[in-house]
Amino acid sequence: MVQVARGVSTRDLTFDIETALGVSPLSPGFWFSVGARYSIREEEKLYRRFRGMNDVDVHSRKMTRNNILDSLLILRNKILGGLSRKYRRKAEFLYVRIRWNPEGERPSRE
């Protein structure tokens, strides 16, 4: 999880995440998801329901180059753009979840 610093564009940060994930796929069994976390302090009902933060992410996908690029495009163009307009602020955190299991099965949604 990366905290988005003041003055840093979340869109630019997604390009840094893309570079960090690299260009070669990992061995079979690795799954990943990317997402953003927004503060929702002003909306009391949502605050209580989500304990102050709202996570929005892309479903887990096999960790291949095409899936990484596709998920980051969804994060960059759909999630960050739409929710920044909805909450009238940029995301406070961006994150990448990487999971592995020996059977190669998709991880459950948490």
C-alpha atoms as a PDB file:
ATOM      1  CA  MET A   1       0.000   0.000   0.000  1.00  0.00           C
ATOM      2  CA  VAL A   2       1.341   3.392  -0.988  1.00  0.00           C
ATOM      3  CA  GLN A   3       0.121   6.601   0.577  1.00  0.00           C
ATOM      4  CA  VAL A   4      -0.435   9.286  -2.042  1.00  0.00           C
ATOM      5  CA  ALA A   5       1.592  12.314  -1.011  1.00  0.00           C
ATOM      6  CA  ARG A   6       0.264  15.842  -1.298  1.00  0.00           C
ATOM      7  CA  GLY A   7       1.006  17.223  -4.762  1.00  0.00           C
ATOM      8  CA  VAL A   8       1.492  13.775  -6.324  1.00  0.00           C
ATOM      9  CA  SER A   9      -0.892  12.667  -9.061  1.00  0.00           C
ATOM     10  CA  THR A  10      -2.571   9.299  -8.471  1.00  0.00           C
ATOM     11  CA  ARG A  11      -2.492   8.761 -12.239  1.00  0.00           C
ATOM     12  CA  ASP A  12       1.298   9.212 -12.303  1.00  0.00           C
ATOM     13  CA  LEU A  13       1.621   6.867  -9.335  1.00  0.00           C
ATOM     14  CA  THR A  14      -0.102   4.076 -11.310  1.00  0.00           C
ATOM     15  CA  PHE A  15       2.722   4.275 -13.860  1.00  0.00           C
ATOM     16  CA  ASP A  16       5.238   3.795 -11.026  1.00  0.00           C
ATOM     17  CA  ILE A  17       3.280   0.728  -9.862  1.00  0.00           C
ATOM     18  CA  GLU A  18       3.359  -0.622 -13.422  1.00  0.00           C
ATOM     19  CA  THR A  19       7.153  -0.235 -13.504  1.00  0.00           C
ATOM     20  CA  ALA A  20       7.524  -1.880 -10.092  1.00  0.00           C
ATOM     21  CA  LEU A  21       5.478  -4.927 -11.126  1.00  0.00           C
ATOM     22  CA  GLY A  22       7.866  -5.528 -14.021  1.00  0.00           C
ATOM     23  CA  VAL A  23       7.347  -6.969 -17.465  1.00  0.00           C
ATOM     24  CA  SER A  24       7.728 -10.699 -16.917  1.00  0.00           C
ATOM     25  CA  PRO A  25       4.964 -12.880 -15.457  1.00  0.00           C
ATOM     26  CA  LEU A  26       5.566 -14.726 -12.211  1.00  0.00           C
ATOM     27  CA  SER A  27       5.328 -18.484 -11.887  1.00  0.00           C
ATOM     28  CA  PRO A  28       1.863 -20.073 -11.986  1.00  0.00           C
ATOM     29  CA  GLY A  29      -0.265 -19.646  -8.911  1.00  0.00           C
ATOM     30  CA  PHE A  30       0.287 -15.896  -8.466  1.00  0.00           C
ATOM     31  CA  TRP A  31      -2.779 -13.628  -8.512  1.00  0.00           C
ATOM     32  CA  PHE A  32      -2.975  -9.891  -8.014  1.00  0.00           C
ATOM     33  CA  SER A  33      -5.432  -7.027  -7.675  1.00  0.00           C
ATOM     34  CA  VAL A  34      -4.978  -3.258  -7.637  1.00  0.00           C
ATOM     35  CA  GLY A  35      -7.135  -0.655  -5.962  1.00  0.00           C
ATOM     36  CA  ALA A  36      -7.571   2.688  -4.272  1.00  0.00           C
ATOM     37  CA  ARG A  37      -8.656   3.748  -0.800  1.00  0.00           C
ATOM     38  CA  TYR A  38     -10.701   6.880  -0.191  1.00  0.00           C
ATOM     39  CA  SER A  39     -11.543   8.629   3.059  1.00  0.00           C
ATOM     40  CA  ILE A  40     -15.289   9.127   3.579  1.00  0.00           C
ATOM     41  CA  ARG A  41     -15.298  11.032   6.869  1.00  0.00           C
ATOM     42  CA  GLU A  42     -17.995  13.532   5.832  1.00  0.00           C
ATOM     43  CA  GLU A  43     -20.658  10.903   5.176  1.00  0.00           C
ATOM     44  CA  GLU A  44     -21.537   9.497   8.598  1.00  0.00           C
ATOM     45  CA  LYS A  45     -23.476   6.381   7.458  1.00  0.00           C
ATOM     46  CA  LEU A  46     -20.716   5.303   5.090  1.00  0.00           C
ATOM     47  CA  TYR A  47     -18.068   6.158   7.687  1.00  0.00           C
ATOM     48  CA  ARG A  48     -19.598   3.778  10.219  1.00  0.00           C
ATOM     49  CA  ARG A  49     -20.167   1.054   7.629  1.00  0.00           C
ATOM     50  CA  PHE A  50     -16.628   1.111   6.205  1.00  0.00           C
ATOM     51  CA  ARG A  51     -14.787   2.313   9.351  1.00  0.00           C
ATOM     52  CA  GLY A  52     -13.751   5.555   7.703  1.00  0.00           C
ATOM     53  CA  MET A  53     -12.181   4.234   4.516  1.00  0.00           C
ATOM     54  CA  ASN A  54     -13.673   2.879   1.310  1.00  0.00           C
ATOM     55  CA  ASP A  55     -11.613   0.437  -0.783  1.00  0.00           C
ATOM     56  CA  VAL A  56     -12.359  -0.007  -4.452  1.00  0.00           C
ATOM     57  CA  ASP A  57     -10.360  -2.547  -6.402  1.00  0.00           C
ATOM     58  CA  VAL A  58     -10.189  -4.724  -9.492  1.00  0.00           C
ATOM     59  CA  HIS A  59     -10.990  -8.422  -8.986  1.00  0.00           C
ATOM     60  CA  SER A  60      -8.021 -10.746  -8.580  1.00  0.00           C
ATOM     61  CA  ARG A  61      -6.479 -11.847 -11.851  1.00  0.00           C
ATOM     62  CA  LYS A  62      -3.646 -14.160 -12.850  1.00  0.00           C
ATOM     63  CA  MET A  63      -0.399 -12.247 -12.773  1.00  0.00           C
ATOM     64  CA  THR A  64       0.433 -11.935 -16.462  1.00  0.00           C
ATOM     65  CA  ARG A  65       1.724  -8.862 -18.292  1.00  0.00           C
ATOM     66  CA  ASN A  66      -1.569  -8.330 -20.170  1.00  0.00           C
ATOM     67  CA  ASN A  67      -3.645  -8.630 -16.979  1.00  0.00           C
ATOM     68  CA  ILE A  68      -1.343  -6.216 -15.135  1.00  0.00           C
ATOM     69  CA  LEU A  69      -1.657  -3.612 -17.893  1.00  0.00           C
ATOM     70  CA  ASP A  70      -5.424  -4.092 -18.195  1.00  0.00           C
ATOM     71  CA  SER A  71      -6.031  -3.828 -14.443  1.00  0.00           C
ATOM     72  CA  LEU A  72      -3.887  -0.703 -14.161  1.00  0.00           C
ATOM     73  CA  LEU A  73      -5.823   0.877 -17.049  1.00  0.00           C
ATOM     74  CA  ILE A  74      -9.090   0.129 -15.236  1.00  0.00           C
ATOM     75  CA  LEU A  75      -7.666   1.626 -12.033  1.00  0.00           C
ATOM     76  CA  ARG A  76      -6.271   4.669 -13.835  1.00  0.00           C
ATOM     77  CA  ASN A  77      -9.208   5.466 -16.126  1.00  0.00           C
ATOM     78  CA  LYS A  78     -12.316   4.147 -14.375  1.00  0.00           C
ATOM     79  CA  ILE A  79     -11.774   3.879 -10.636  1.00  0.00           C
ATOM     80  CA  LEU A  80      -9.564   6.912  -9.988  1.00  0.00           C
ATOM     81  CA  GLY A  81     -11.449   9.164 -12.375  1.00  0.00           C
ATOM     82  CA  GLY A  82     -14.963   8.199 -11.300  1.00  0.00           C
ATOM     83  CA  LEU A  83     -14.431   8.071  -7.554  1.00  0.00           C
ATOM     84  CA  SER A  84     -12.366  11.235  -7.443  1.00  0.00           C
ATOM     85  CA  ARG A  85     -15.344  13.004  -8.985  1.00  0.00           C
ATOM     86  CA  LYS A  86     -17.758  11.249  -6.597  1.00  0.00           C
ATOM     87  CA  TYR A  87     -15.817  12.021  -3.408  1.00  0.00           C
ATOM     88  CA  ARG A  88     -14.392  15.317  -4.754  1.00  0.00           C
ATOM     89  CA  ARG A  89     -10.864  14.364  -3.746  1.00  0.00           C
ATOM     90  CA  LYS A  90      -8.079  12.080  -4.864  1.00  0.00           C
ATOM     91  CA  ALA A  91      -7.450   8.665  -3.377  1.00  0.00           C
ATOM     92  CA  GLU A  92      -5.433   8.596  -0.170  1.00  0.00           C
ATOM     93  CA  PHE A  93      -3.799   5.223  -0.878  1.00  0.00           C
ATOM     94  CA  LEU A  94      -3.140   2.990  -3.892  1.00  0.00           C
ATOM     95  CA  TYR A  95      -2.401  -0.670  -3.314  1.00  0.00           C
ATOM     96  CA  VAL A  96      -1.428  -3.924  -4.977  1.00  0.00           C
ATOM     97  CA  ARG A  97      -2.354  -7.283  -3.460  1.00  0.00           C
ATOM     98  CA  ILE A  98      -0.311 -10.251  -4.605  1.00  0.00           C
ATOM     99  CA  ARG A  99      -1.396 -13.733  -3.559  1.00  0.00           C
ATOM    100  CA  TRP A 100      -0.092 -17.197  -4.254  1.00  0.00           C
ATOM    101  CA  ASN A 101      -1.441 -20.661  -3.663  1.00  0.00           C
ATOM    102  CA  PRO A 102      -0.038 -24.001  -4.817  1.00  0.00           C
ATOM    103  CA  GLU A 103      -3.266 -25.064  -6.566  1.00  0.00           C
ATOM    104  CA  GLY A 104      -3.369 -21.868  -8.626  1.00  0.00           C
ATOM    105  CA  GLU A 105      -6.991 -21.165  -7.635  1.00  0.00           C
ATOM    106  CA  ARG A 106      -8.433 -17.650  -7.651  1.00  0.00           C
ATOM    107  CA  PRO A 107      -8.355 -16.087  -4.166  1.00  0.00           C
ATOM    108  CA  SER A 108     -11.672 -15.275  -2.528  1.00  0.00           C
ATOM    109  CA  ARG A 109     -12.886 -11.671  -2.357  1.00  0.00           C
ATOM    110  CA  GLU A 110     -12.139 -10.094   1.015  1.00  0.00           C
END
